[in-house]
N, C-alpha and C. Protein backbone atom coordinates (compact mmCIF):
# COMPACT_ATOMS: atom_id res chain seq x y z
N MET A 1 102.69 49.65 40.98
CA MET A 1 103.71 49.25 41.90
C MET A 1 104.90 50.20 41.78
N ASN A 2 105.63 50.36 42.86
CA ASN A 2 106.76 51.25 42.81
C ASN A 2 107.99 50.62 43.44
N ARG A 3 108.97 51.45 43.74
CA ARG A 3 110.23 50.91 44.18
C ARG A 3 110.19 50.38 45.59
N ARG A 4 111.13 49.47 45.87
CA ARG A 4 111.40 48.93 47.17
C ARG A 4 110.22 48.28 47.86
N PRO A 5 109.64 47.26 47.29
CA PRO A 5 108.49 46.60 47.90
C PRO A 5 108.78 45.97 49.26
N THR A 6 109.98 45.39 49.39
CA THR A 6 110.30 44.70 50.65
C THR A 6 110.30 45.68 51.80
N LEU A 7 110.94 46.82 51.65
CA LEU A 7 111.01 47.79 52.73
C LEU A 7 109.63 48.33 53.09
N LEU A 8 108.78 48.51 52.11
CA LEU A 8 107.45 49.07 52.39
C LEU A 8 106.61 48.11 53.18
N ALA A 9 106.72 46.82 52.97
CA ALA A 9 105.95 45.85 53.72
C ALA A 9 106.29 45.99 55.20
N ALA A 10 107.55 46.08 55.49
CA ALA A 10 107.96 46.21 56.90
C ALA A 10 107.50 47.52 57.46
N LEU A 11 107.44 48.54 56.66
CA LEU A 11 106.99 49.84 57.14
C LEU A 11 105.56 49.72 57.71
N ALA A 12 104.70 49.08 56.97
CA ALA A 12 103.31 48.89 57.42
C ALA A 12 103.27 48.02 58.67
N LEU A 13 104.04 46.94 58.70
CA LEU A 13 104.04 46.05 59.85
C LEU A 13 104.57 46.71 61.09
N THR A 14 105.68 47.44 60.96
CA THR A 14 106.29 48.05 62.10
C THR A 14 105.40 49.17 62.67
N ALA A 15 104.76 49.90 61.76
CA ALA A 15 103.89 50.97 62.27
C ALA A 15 102.76 50.39 63.09
N THR A 16 102.22 49.25 62.70
CA THR A 16 101.14 48.62 63.47
C THR A 16 101.66 48.11 64.81
N ALA A 17 102.84 47.47 64.76
CA ALA A 17 103.40 46.92 66.03
C ALA A 17 103.74 48.03 67.00
N ALA A 18 104.12 49.17 66.47
CA ALA A 18 104.54 50.27 67.35
C ALA A 18 103.43 50.72 68.29
N LEU A 19 102.18 50.48 67.88
CA LEU A 19 101.05 50.89 68.73
C LEU A 19 101.02 50.12 70.04
N THR A 20 101.52 48.92 70.04
CA THR A 20 101.49 48.09 71.26
C THR A 20 102.87 47.85 71.86
N LEU A 21 103.92 48.08 71.08
CA LEU A 21 105.27 47.75 71.56
C LEU A 21 106.17 48.97 71.67
N SER A 22 105.59 50.13 71.68
CA SER A 22 106.41 51.34 71.66
C SER A 22 107.37 51.43 72.84
N ALA A 23 107.02 50.79 73.96
CA ALA A 23 107.86 50.92 75.16
C ALA A 23 108.95 49.82 75.17
N CYS A 24 108.84 48.82 74.29
CA CYS A 24 109.83 47.72 74.36
C CYS A 24 110.58 47.47 73.07
N GLY A 25 110.63 48.44 72.19
CA GLY A 25 111.36 48.21 70.93
C GLY A 25 112.85 48.29 71.16
N SER A 26 113.64 47.70 70.23
CA SER A 26 115.06 47.82 70.33
C SER A 26 115.52 49.13 69.76
N ASP A 27 116.81 49.35 69.77
CA ASP A 27 117.34 50.59 69.22
C ASP A 27 117.22 50.59 67.71
N ASP A 28 117.01 49.45 67.11
CA ASP A 28 116.89 49.37 65.66
C ASP A 28 115.49 48.91 65.32
N ASP A 29 114.66 49.85 64.85
CA ASP A 29 113.25 49.50 64.54
C ASP A 29 112.94 50.08 63.18
N SER A 30 112.76 49.25 62.14
CA SER A 30 112.43 49.77 60.86
C SER A 30 111.64 48.77 60.06
N PRO A 31 110.95 49.24 59.01
CA PRO A 31 110.08 48.42 58.18
C PRO A 31 110.73 48.01 56.92
N SER A 32 110.10 47.09 56.23
CA SER A 32 110.47 46.68 54.88
C SER A 32 109.43 47.19 53.94
N LYS A 33 109.70 47.13 52.63
CA LYS A 33 108.72 47.67 51.71
C LYS A 33 108.15 46.56 50.87
N ASP A 34 106.83 46.53 50.74
CA ASP A 34 106.16 45.49 50.01
C ASP A 34 105.23 46.14 48.99
N SER A 35 105.31 45.73 47.74
CA SER A 35 104.50 46.35 46.68
C SER A 35 103.02 46.24 47.01
N ASP A 36 102.62 45.19 47.70
CA ASP A 36 101.19 45.05 48.06
C ASP A 36 100.77 46.11 49.06
N ALA A 37 101.76 46.55 49.89
CA ALA A 37 101.43 47.55 50.89
C ALA A 37 101.23 48.93 50.24
N ILE A 38 101.78 49.12 49.08
CA ILE A 38 101.65 50.41 48.41
C ILE A 38 100.19 50.72 48.10
N ALA A 39 99.51 49.75 47.57
CA ALA A 39 98.10 49.97 47.24
C ALA A 39 97.29 50.25 48.47
N GLY A 40 97.62 49.58 49.58
CA GLY A 40 96.88 49.76 50.80
C GLY A 40 97.26 50.99 51.55
N ALA A 41 98.36 51.61 51.13
CA ALA A 41 98.84 52.75 51.92
C ALA A 41 97.98 54.00 51.76
N ASP A 42 97.29 54.10 50.65
CA ASP A 42 96.43 55.25 50.38
C ASP A 42 95.09 55.01 51.02
N THR A 43 94.99 55.28 52.33
CA THR A 43 93.80 54.83 53.04
C THR A 43 92.83 55.99 53.33
N GLY A 44 92.92 57.03 52.58
CA GLY A 44 91.95 58.10 52.77
C GLY A 44 92.59 59.41 53.09
N GLY A 45 91.79 60.35 53.63
CA GLY A 45 92.31 61.70 53.90
C GLY A 45 92.25 62.53 52.66
N GLU A 46 92.74 63.75 52.78
CA GLU A 46 92.67 64.68 51.66
C GLU A 46 93.57 64.20 50.54
N LYS A 47 93.11 64.35 49.31
CA LYS A 47 93.94 63.95 48.19
C LYS A 47 94.87 65.13 47.83
N SER A 48 96.07 64.75 47.45
CA SER A 48 97.05 65.78 47.06
C SER A 48 96.76 66.21 45.65
N PRO A 49 97.31 67.37 45.26
CA PRO A 49 97.09 67.83 43.89
C PRO A 49 97.71 66.85 42.93
N SER A 50 97.26 66.90 41.69
CA SER A 50 97.80 66.01 40.68
C SER A 50 99.31 66.24 40.52
N PRO A 51 100.07 65.15 40.61
CA PRO A 51 101.55 65.32 40.54
C PRO A 51 102.03 65.81 39.20
N THR A 52 101.26 65.56 38.15
CA THR A 52 101.73 65.91 36.81
C THR A 52 101.76 67.41 36.58
N THR A 53 101.20 68.21 37.49
CA THR A 53 101.15 69.63 37.29
C THR A 53 102.29 70.36 37.97
N SER A 54 103.13 69.64 38.69
CA SER A 54 104.15 70.29 39.50
C SER A 54 105.58 70.12 39.01
N ALA A 55 105.78 69.46 37.90
CA ALA A 55 107.12 69.20 37.41
C ALA A 55 107.79 70.50 36.95
N PRO A 56 109.11 70.59 37.10
CA PRO A 56 109.83 71.78 36.65
C PRO A 56 109.63 72.04 35.15
N ALA A 57 109.55 73.27 34.78
CA ALA A 57 109.32 73.63 33.38
C ALA A 57 110.63 73.54 32.59
N SER A 58 111.77 73.79 33.24
CA SER A 58 113.05 73.82 32.58
C SER A 58 113.53 72.40 32.24
N ASP A 59 114.34 72.30 31.15
CA ASP A 59 114.91 71.00 30.81
C ASP A 59 116.23 70.75 31.56
N GLU A 60 116.59 71.64 32.42
CA GLU A 60 117.78 71.48 33.25
C GLU A 60 117.49 70.46 34.36
N ARG A 61 118.36 69.43 34.46
CA ARG A 61 118.15 68.42 35.47
C ARG A 61 118.12 69.03 36.87
N PRO A 62 117.16 68.63 37.69
CA PRO A 62 117.10 69.20 39.04
C PRO A 62 118.27 68.69 39.90
N LYS A 63 118.67 69.55 40.83
CA LYS A 63 119.75 69.14 41.75
C LYS A 63 119.19 68.19 42.80
N ILE A 64 119.91 67.11 43.02
CA ILE A 64 119.45 66.14 44.01
C ILE A 64 120.48 66.08 45.15
N GLU A 65 120.01 66.35 46.33
CA GLU A 65 120.88 66.36 47.50
C GLU A 65 120.38 65.34 48.52
N LEU A 66 121.22 64.36 48.82
CA LEU A 66 120.85 63.32 49.73
C LEU A 66 121.80 63.27 50.95
N PRO A 67 121.29 62.82 52.09
CA PRO A 67 122.11 62.81 53.28
C PRO A 67 123.26 61.80 53.23
N ALA A 68 124.23 62.00 54.09
CA ALA A 68 125.43 61.17 54.08
C ALA A 68 125.16 59.72 54.45
N ASP A 69 124.04 59.45 55.11
CA ASP A 69 123.76 58.06 55.51
C ASP A 69 123.08 57.24 54.43
N LEU A 70 123.00 57.79 53.22
CA LEU A 70 122.48 57.07 52.06
C LEU A 70 123.60 56.93 51.04
N SER A 71 123.82 55.73 50.55
CA SER A 71 124.84 55.51 49.52
C SER A 71 124.30 54.60 48.42
N TYR A 72 124.86 54.73 47.25
CA TYR A 72 124.35 54.02 46.08
C TYR A 72 125.50 53.46 45.27
N THR A 73 125.30 52.25 44.77
CA THR A 73 126.24 51.64 43.82
C THR A 73 125.42 51.27 42.59
N PHE A 74 125.79 51.77 41.45
CA PHE A 74 125.10 51.45 40.21
C PHE A 74 126.06 50.62 39.32
N ASP A 75 125.86 49.32 39.35
CA ASP A 75 126.71 48.44 38.54
C ASP A 75 126.08 48.28 37.16
N TRP A 76 125.96 49.43 36.48
CA TRP A 76 125.50 49.37 35.08
C TRP A 76 126.35 50.30 34.24
N PRO A 77 127.43 49.74 33.72
CA PRO A 77 128.39 50.51 32.92
C PRO A 77 127.75 51.00 31.63
N LYS A 78 128.40 51.98 31.05
CA LYS A 78 127.91 52.54 29.77
C LYS A 78 127.93 51.49 28.67
N THR A 79 126.96 51.58 27.81
CA THR A 79 126.82 50.61 26.74
C THR A 79 127.57 51.06 25.47
N GLY A 80 127.83 52.37 25.33
CA GLY A 80 128.43 52.87 24.13
C GLY A 80 127.40 53.38 23.16
N ASP A 81 126.12 53.10 23.44
CA ASP A 81 125.01 53.61 22.64
C ASP A 81 124.47 54.89 23.33
N LYS A 82 124.43 55.97 22.59
CA LYS A 82 124.07 57.26 23.16
C LYS A 82 122.71 57.26 23.87
N GLU A 83 121.70 56.72 23.24
CA GLU A 83 120.34 56.73 23.80
C GLU A 83 120.24 55.78 24.97
N LYS A 84 120.83 54.61 24.84
CA LYS A 84 120.76 53.65 25.96
C LYS A 84 121.46 54.23 27.19
N ASP A 85 122.58 54.85 26.99
CA ASP A 85 123.32 55.45 28.09
C ASP A 85 122.53 56.62 28.71
N ALA A 86 121.77 57.34 27.89
CA ALA A 86 120.91 58.41 28.39
C ALA A 86 119.77 57.87 29.26
N VAL A 87 119.21 56.70 28.83
CA VAL A 87 118.18 56.05 29.61
C VAL A 87 118.72 55.66 30.97
N LEU A 88 119.91 55.07 30.99
CA LEU A 88 120.53 54.66 32.25
C LEU A 88 120.85 55.83 33.16
N ALA A 89 121.34 56.92 32.54
CA ALA A 89 121.71 58.10 33.34
C ALA A 89 120.43 58.74 33.98
N ASP A 90 119.39 58.89 33.18
CA ASP A 90 118.17 59.48 33.71
C ASP A 90 117.51 58.56 34.73
N SER A 91 117.60 57.27 34.51
CA SER A 91 117.00 56.32 35.46
C SER A 91 117.74 56.35 36.79
N GLU A 92 119.03 56.48 36.76
CA GLU A 92 119.82 56.64 37.99
C GLU A 92 119.36 57.85 38.77
N GLN A 93 119.20 58.95 38.08
CA GLN A 93 118.73 60.17 38.74
C GLN A 93 117.28 60.03 39.26
N SER A 94 116.47 59.30 38.53
CA SER A 94 115.07 59.16 38.96
C SER A 94 115.00 58.35 40.27
N ILE A 95 115.88 57.39 40.44
CA ILE A 95 115.91 56.58 41.67
C ILE A 95 116.28 57.48 42.84
N LYS A 96 117.31 58.28 42.65
CA LYS A 96 117.78 59.15 43.71
C LYS A 96 116.74 60.26 44.01
N ALA A 97 116.02 60.71 42.98
CA ALA A 97 115.03 61.74 43.16
C ALA A 97 113.85 61.28 44.04
N VAL A 98 113.45 60.01 43.87
CA VAL A 98 112.41 59.48 44.74
C VAL A 98 112.89 59.42 46.18
N ASP A 99 114.11 59.03 46.37
CA ASP A 99 114.67 58.96 47.74
C ASP A 99 114.77 60.35 48.36
N GLN A 100 115.08 61.35 47.52
CA GLN A 100 115.12 62.72 48.04
C GLN A 100 113.72 63.15 48.50
N ALA A 101 112.71 62.77 47.78
CA ALA A 101 111.33 63.12 48.18
C ALA A 101 111.00 62.48 49.50
N ILE A 102 111.44 61.22 49.73
CA ILE A 102 111.23 60.57 51.00
C ILE A 102 111.95 61.29 52.11
N VAL A 103 113.21 61.64 51.88
CA VAL A 103 114.02 62.33 52.86
C VAL A 103 113.42 63.67 53.17
N ASN A 104 112.95 64.37 52.15
CA ASN A 104 112.34 65.70 52.32
C ASN A 104 110.90 65.61 52.87
N GLN A 105 110.37 64.39 52.92
CA GLN A 105 108.97 64.22 53.39
C GLN A 105 108.01 65.07 52.55
N ASN A 106 108.21 65.00 51.23
CA ASN A 106 107.43 65.79 50.29
C ASN A 106 106.97 64.91 49.14
N ALA A 107 105.68 64.54 49.17
CA ALA A 107 105.14 63.63 48.13
C ALA A 107 104.98 64.32 46.79
N LEU A 108 105.21 65.63 46.73
CA LEU A 108 105.18 66.35 45.45
C LEU A 108 106.52 67.01 45.17
N ASP A 109 107.59 66.38 45.60
CA ASP A 109 108.93 66.93 45.38
C ASP A 109 109.19 67.06 43.89
N LYS A 110 109.67 68.23 43.51
CA LYS A 110 109.79 68.53 42.06
C LYS A 110 110.86 67.69 41.36
N ALA A 111 111.86 67.23 42.05
CA ALA A 111 112.90 66.46 41.42
C ALA A 111 112.38 65.17 40.82
N TYR A 112 111.59 64.38 41.59
CA TYR A 112 111.09 63.15 41.01
C TYR A 112 110.06 63.39 39.94
N LEU A 113 109.32 64.49 40.07
CA LEU A 113 108.30 64.82 39.04
C LEU A 113 108.94 65.20 37.73
N PHE A 114 110.23 65.49 37.75
CA PHE A 114 110.98 65.76 36.50
C PHE A 114 111.18 64.45 35.72
N TYR A 115 111.24 63.33 36.44
CA TYR A 115 111.55 62.05 35.82
C TYR A 115 110.38 61.07 35.72
N TYR A 116 109.28 61.40 36.37
CA TYR A 116 108.11 60.50 36.35
C TYR A 116 106.92 61.22 35.79
N GLU A 117 106.16 60.53 34.93
CA GLU A 117 105.00 61.14 34.32
C GLU A 117 103.81 60.16 34.40
N GLY A 118 102.62 60.71 34.29
CA GLY A 118 101.39 59.88 34.18
C GLY A 118 101.22 58.91 35.30
N GLU A 119 100.98 57.68 34.98
CA GLU A 119 100.73 56.61 35.95
C GLU A 119 101.88 56.48 36.94
N ALA A 120 103.11 56.52 36.45
CA ALA A 120 104.28 56.37 37.30
C ALA A 120 104.37 57.50 38.33
N ALA A 121 104.06 58.73 37.91
CA ALA A 121 104.09 59.87 38.81
C ALA A 121 103.03 59.70 39.91
N ALA A 122 101.86 59.28 39.52
CA ALA A 122 100.76 59.13 40.51
C ALA A 122 101.08 58.02 41.52
N GLU A 123 101.62 56.90 41.04
CA GLU A 123 102.01 55.81 41.97
C GLU A 123 103.18 56.20 42.86
N THR A 124 104.08 56.98 42.32
CA THR A 124 105.23 57.42 43.13
C THR A 124 104.77 58.41 44.21
N GLN A 125 103.82 59.25 43.88
CA GLN A 125 103.26 60.15 44.89
C GLN A 125 102.67 59.36 46.06
N LYS A 126 101.93 58.32 45.79
CA LYS A 126 101.39 57.48 46.85
C LYS A 126 102.49 56.78 47.63
N PHE A 127 103.48 56.31 46.94
CA PHE A 127 104.61 55.62 47.54
C PHE A 127 105.30 56.55 48.55
N VAL A 128 105.63 57.78 48.16
CA VAL A 128 106.31 58.70 49.02
C VAL A 128 105.38 59.12 50.19
N GLN A 129 104.11 59.32 49.87
CA GLN A 129 103.15 59.74 50.91
C GLN A 129 103.07 58.72 52.03
N ASN A 130 103.26 57.45 51.71
CA ASN A 130 103.25 56.40 52.75
C ASN A 130 104.35 56.64 53.77
N TYR A 131 105.48 57.08 53.31
CA TYR A 131 106.60 57.40 54.25
C TYR A 131 106.24 58.66 55.05
N VAL A 132 105.69 59.65 54.37
CA VAL A 132 105.32 60.89 55.06
C VAL A 132 104.29 60.58 56.16
N ASP A 133 103.30 59.76 55.83
CA ASP A 133 102.26 59.44 56.83
C ASP A 133 102.81 58.74 58.04
N HIS A 134 103.86 57.95 57.85
CA HIS A 134 104.46 57.21 58.97
C HIS A 134 105.64 57.95 59.55
N GLU A 135 105.91 59.16 59.06
CA GLU A 135 107.07 59.94 59.56
C GLU A 135 108.31 59.11 59.50
N ALA A 136 108.52 58.50 58.35
CA ALA A 136 109.65 57.56 58.14
C ALA A 136 110.49 57.98 56.97
N ALA A 137 111.78 57.69 57.03
CA ALA A 137 112.70 57.95 55.91
C ALA A 137 113.49 56.69 55.67
N ILE A 138 114.58 56.79 54.96
CA ILE A 138 115.39 55.60 54.62
C ILE A 138 116.85 55.89 54.94
N THR A 139 117.59 54.81 55.13
CA THR A 139 119.01 54.95 55.43
C THR A 139 119.70 53.68 54.93
N GLY A 140 121.02 53.70 54.82
CA GLY A 140 121.76 52.56 54.42
C GLY A 140 122.30 52.66 52.99
N SER A 141 122.59 51.51 52.41
CA SER A 141 123.20 51.48 51.07
C SER A 141 122.39 50.62 50.12
N TYR A 142 122.32 51.05 48.89
CA TYR A 142 121.58 50.36 47.84
C TYR A 142 122.52 50.00 46.69
N ARG A 143 122.31 48.86 46.10
CA ARG A 143 123.07 48.46 44.92
C ARG A 143 122.10 48.06 43.80
N PHE A 144 122.39 48.61 42.60
CA PHE A 144 121.56 48.36 41.46
C PHE A 144 122.43 47.69 40.42
N TYR A 145 121.89 46.64 39.77
CA TYR A 145 122.74 45.86 38.87
C TYR A 145 121.90 45.11 37.84
N ALA A 146 122.60 44.43 36.93
CA ALA A 146 121.94 43.63 35.88
C ALA A 146 120.95 44.42 35.02
N PRO A 147 121.34 45.57 34.51
CA PRO A 147 120.39 46.34 33.70
C PRO A 147 120.25 45.74 32.32
N GLU A 148 119.00 45.83 31.81
CA GLU A 148 118.73 45.46 30.40
C GLU A 148 117.91 46.59 29.81
N VAL A 149 118.49 47.27 28.86
CA VAL A 149 117.81 48.46 28.29
C VAL A 149 117.62 48.29 26.80
N ASN A 150 116.43 48.66 26.34
CA ASN A 150 116.09 48.64 24.91
C ASN A 150 115.47 49.94 24.55
N VAL A 151 115.86 50.48 23.42
CA VAL A 151 115.36 51.77 22.95
C VAL A 151 114.68 51.56 21.61
N GLY A 152 113.43 52.04 21.49
CA GLY A 152 112.72 51.93 20.21
C GLY A 152 112.92 53.14 19.33
N LYS A 153 112.54 53.02 18.10
CA LYS A 153 112.65 54.16 17.16
C LYS A 153 111.54 55.19 17.34
N ASP A 154 110.58 54.85 18.16
CA ASP A 154 109.42 55.75 18.37
C ASP A 154 109.59 56.63 19.62
N GLY A 155 110.79 56.72 20.16
CA GLY A 155 111.00 57.55 21.34
C GLY A 155 110.62 56.92 22.68
N THR A 156 110.44 55.58 22.66
CA THR A 156 110.14 54.86 23.88
C THR A 156 111.30 53.93 24.20
N ALA A 157 111.35 53.50 25.47
CA ALA A 157 112.38 52.57 25.91
C ALA A 157 111.89 51.74 27.04
N SER A 158 112.59 50.66 27.31
CA SER A 158 112.30 49.81 28.48
C SER A 158 113.60 49.58 29.24
N LEU A 159 113.52 49.48 30.49
CA LEU A 159 114.68 49.19 31.35
C LEU A 159 114.28 48.25 32.45
N SER A 160 114.98 47.12 32.58
CA SER A 160 114.81 46.24 33.69
C SER A 160 116.11 46.21 34.49
N TYR A 161 116.01 46.13 35.79
CA TYR A 161 117.24 46.09 36.61
C TYR A 161 116.93 45.49 37.97
N CYS A 162 117.97 45.10 38.68
CA CYS A 162 117.83 44.51 40.02
C CYS A 162 118.30 45.49 41.09
N GLU A 163 117.74 45.30 42.28
CA GLU A 163 118.15 46.13 43.43
C GLU A 163 118.42 45.19 44.61
N ASP A 164 119.55 45.43 45.27
CA ASP A 164 119.90 44.72 46.50
C ASP A 164 119.56 45.64 47.69
N GLN A 165 118.58 45.25 48.48
CA GLN A 165 118.12 46.03 49.63
C GLN A 165 118.69 45.47 50.94
N GLY A 166 119.64 44.56 50.86
CA GLY A 166 120.14 43.86 52.05
C GLY A 166 120.72 44.79 53.12
N LYS A 167 121.23 45.94 52.69
CA LYS A 167 121.83 46.88 53.66
C LYS A 167 121.08 48.20 53.68
N ALA A 168 119.79 48.17 53.31
CA ALA A 168 118.95 49.37 53.29
C ALA A 168 117.84 49.19 54.32
N TYR A 169 117.54 50.28 55.04
CA TYR A 169 116.63 50.19 56.15
C TYR A 169 115.72 51.43 56.19
N VAL A 170 114.66 51.30 56.95
CA VAL A 170 113.75 52.45 57.21
C VAL A 170 114.09 52.99 58.60
N LYS A 171 114.05 54.31 58.71
CA LYS A 171 114.27 54.90 60.01
C LYS A 171 113.11 55.82 60.31
N TYR A 172 112.75 55.92 61.58
CA TYR A 172 111.66 56.76 62.03
C TYR A 172 112.20 58.13 62.49
N LEU A 173 111.59 59.16 61.99
CA LEU A 173 112.13 60.50 62.21
C LEU A 173 111.94 60.99 63.63
N LYS A 174 110.89 60.61 64.29
CA LYS A 174 110.68 61.07 65.67
C LYS A 174 111.56 60.36 66.66
N THR A 175 111.63 59.04 66.55
CA THR A 175 112.37 58.24 67.53
C THR A 175 113.87 58.04 67.12
N LYS A 176 114.15 58.28 65.85
CA LYS A 176 115.50 58.07 65.30
C LYS A 176 115.87 56.60 65.27
N LYS A 177 114.90 55.74 65.46
CA LYS A 177 115.17 54.32 65.47
C LYS A 177 115.25 53.70 64.08
N ILE A 178 116.12 52.74 63.97
CA ILE A 178 116.35 52.02 62.67
C ILE A 178 116.19 50.55 62.93
N LYS A 179 115.37 49.92 62.11
CA LYS A 179 115.19 48.46 62.22
C LYS A 179 116.01 47.79 61.13
N LYS A 180 117.00 47.03 61.56
CA LYS A 180 117.83 46.33 60.56
C LYS A 180 117.24 44.98 60.33
N THR A 181 116.54 44.86 59.20
CA THR A 181 115.84 43.68 58.86
C THR A 181 116.78 42.57 58.32
N GLU A 182 116.34 41.37 58.48
CA GLU A 182 117.14 40.22 58.03
C GLU A 182 117.19 40.16 56.52
N VAL A 183 118.33 39.78 55.96
CA VAL A 183 118.45 39.64 54.52
C VAL A 183 117.87 38.29 54.14
N THR A 184 116.90 38.36 53.19
CA THR A 184 116.25 37.14 52.68
C THR A 184 116.20 37.22 51.14
N ALA A 185 115.62 36.22 50.57
CA ALA A 185 115.48 36.24 49.09
C ALA A 185 114.69 37.48 48.62
N LYS A 186 113.74 37.94 49.49
CA LYS A 186 112.93 39.11 49.13
C LYS A 186 113.71 40.42 49.18
N SER A 187 114.93 40.37 49.67
CA SER A 187 115.77 41.60 49.69
C SER A 187 116.27 41.93 48.29
N TYR A 188 116.06 41.04 47.34
CA TYR A 188 116.51 41.28 45.96
C TYR A 188 115.29 41.47 45.08
N VAL A 189 115.22 42.62 44.46
CA VAL A 189 114.02 43.04 43.77
C VAL A 189 114.34 43.35 42.30
N ILE A 190 113.45 42.93 41.43
CA ILE A 190 113.60 43.29 40.00
C ILE A 190 112.56 44.33 39.64
N TYR A 191 112.96 45.24 38.79
CA TYR A 191 112.10 46.34 38.36
C TYR A 191 112.00 46.33 36.83
N HIS A 192 110.83 46.64 36.32
CA HIS A 192 110.62 46.78 34.89
C HIS A 192 110.01 48.17 34.69
N THR A 193 110.67 49.00 33.92
CA THR A 193 110.19 50.33 33.66
C THR A 193 109.95 50.60 32.18
N SER A 194 108.92 51.36 31.91
CA SER A 194 108.68 51.85 30.57
C SER A 194 108.90 53.35 30.54
N LEU A 195 109.69 53.80 29.57
CA LEU A 195 110.06 55.23 29.52
C LEU A 195 109.71 55.81 28.16
N LYS A 196 109.63 57.15 28.16
CA LYS A 196 109.39 57.87 26.90
C LYS A 196 110.23 59.15 26.96
N LYS A 197 110.83 59.45 25.84
CA LYS A 197 111.66 60.70 25.76
C LYS A 197 110.69 61.85 25.54
N ASN A 198 110.63 62.75 26.54
CA ASN A 198 109.67 63.84 26.43
C ASN A 198 110.24 65.05 25.68
N ASP A 199 109.48 66.12 25.64
CA ASP A 199 109.88 67.29 24.88
C ASP A 199 111.04 68.05 25.51
N LYS A 200 111.43 67.66 26.72
CA LYS A 200 112.61 68.23 27.35
C LYS A 200 113.87 67.43 27.07
N GLY A 201 113.66 66.32 26.37
CA GLY A 201 114.80 65.42 26.09
C GLY A 201 115.11 64.51 27.25
N VAL A 202 114.17 64.38 28.17
CA VAL A 202 114.36 63.54 29.34
C VAL A 202 113.67 62.18 29.12
N TRP A 203 114.37 61.13 29.48
CA TRP A 203 113.75 59.77 29.45
C TRP A 203 112.92 59.63 30.70
N ALA A 204 111.64 59.97 30.62
CA ALA A 204 110.73 60.00 31.76
C ALA A 204 110.06 58.64 31.90
N ILE A 205 109.92 58.18 33.15
CA ILE A 205 109.30 56.89 33.43
C ILE A 205 107.79 57.07 33.33
N GLN A 206 107.16 56.19 32.56
CA GLN A 206 105.72 56.18 32.41
C GLN A 206 105.05 55.10 33.24
N LYS A 207 105.75 54.02 33.45
CA LYS A 207 105.19 52.88 34.22
C LYS A 207 106.36 52.14 34.87
N ILE A 208 106.13 51.65 36.10
CA ILE A 208 107.17 50.88 36.80
C ILE A 208 106.50 49.79 37.61
N VAL A 209 106.97 48.58 37.48
CA VAL A 209 106.46 47.47 38.28
C VAL A 209 107.67 46.78 38.93
N SER A 210 107.45 46.12 40.05
CA SER A 210 108.52 45.48 40.77
C SER A 210 108.08 44.11 41.27
N GLN A 211 109.10 43.25 41.51
CA GLN A 211 108.83 41.94 42.10
C GLN A 211 109.96 41.59 43.05
N SER A 212 109.65 41.42 44.32
CA SER A 212 110.68 41.03 45.26
C SER A 212 110.92 39.54 45.20
N GLY A 213 112.14 39.12 45.53
CA GLY A 213 112.45 37.69 45.51
C GLY A 213 112.71 37.14 44.13
N SER A 214 112.97 37.99 43.13
CA SER A 214 113.16 37.54 41.79
C SER A 214 114.40 36.59 41.72
N ALA A 215 114.22 35.47 41.07
CA ALA A 215 115.32 34.50 40.94
C ALA A 215 116.47 35.11 40.13
N LYS A 216 116.17 35.97 39.23
CA LYS A 216 117.21 36.56 38.41
C LYS A 216 118.14 37.44 39.22
N CYS A 217 117.64 38.03 40.28
CA CYS A 217 118.43 39.01 41.04
C CYS A 217 119.15 38.41 42.25
N GLN A 218 118.95 37.10 42.53
CA GLN A 218 119.57 36.49 43.67
C GLN A 218 121.10 36.43 43.49
N PRO A 219 121.85 36.62 44.60
CA PRO A 219 123.29 36.57 44.49
C PRO A 219 123.82 35.17 44.23
């Protein structure tokens, strides 16, 4: 499972509806993401190269450039613990890096591959490819909050956090249409990530799971 399950569900639904309603859609047409849709998004075609082979070799953090119509609020202040704060900082960049891959329509974008490894990298590649296949990107504002971070002595860590997708939408690149979906309990998503500090000193995500409608994340 990967990020933004609610928006992905709508992406699949809207793409299907567009086949019959392309002449009568409103000016705002966009999908939601559903973690169940992620597994179904990989429906065949040529397989992309393994994502684990494309990450930058340097330990310098990649530059992430996002369009002006995307904004982020991270309500997770520093803890005062060096390693915990490093996990939070790298996780913030990893979130933005995935969005950059979606914006760039590149399922092997090097920025996210800097922060994702193994299973998480493979799932993220599929996640981004779903947007590429539908010629869709994202717009709006995202808020992340309620982080819980734990760091082990063995170089591993875990991070759980909430995401508010209430003002985030999918936009279609050809039509420029945006569907403003209704805010529901499923607009609030909880994520659980497993991380490992790699040889570059980066807290790289090894596994990520999500659940929309989490009671913990409701306003």
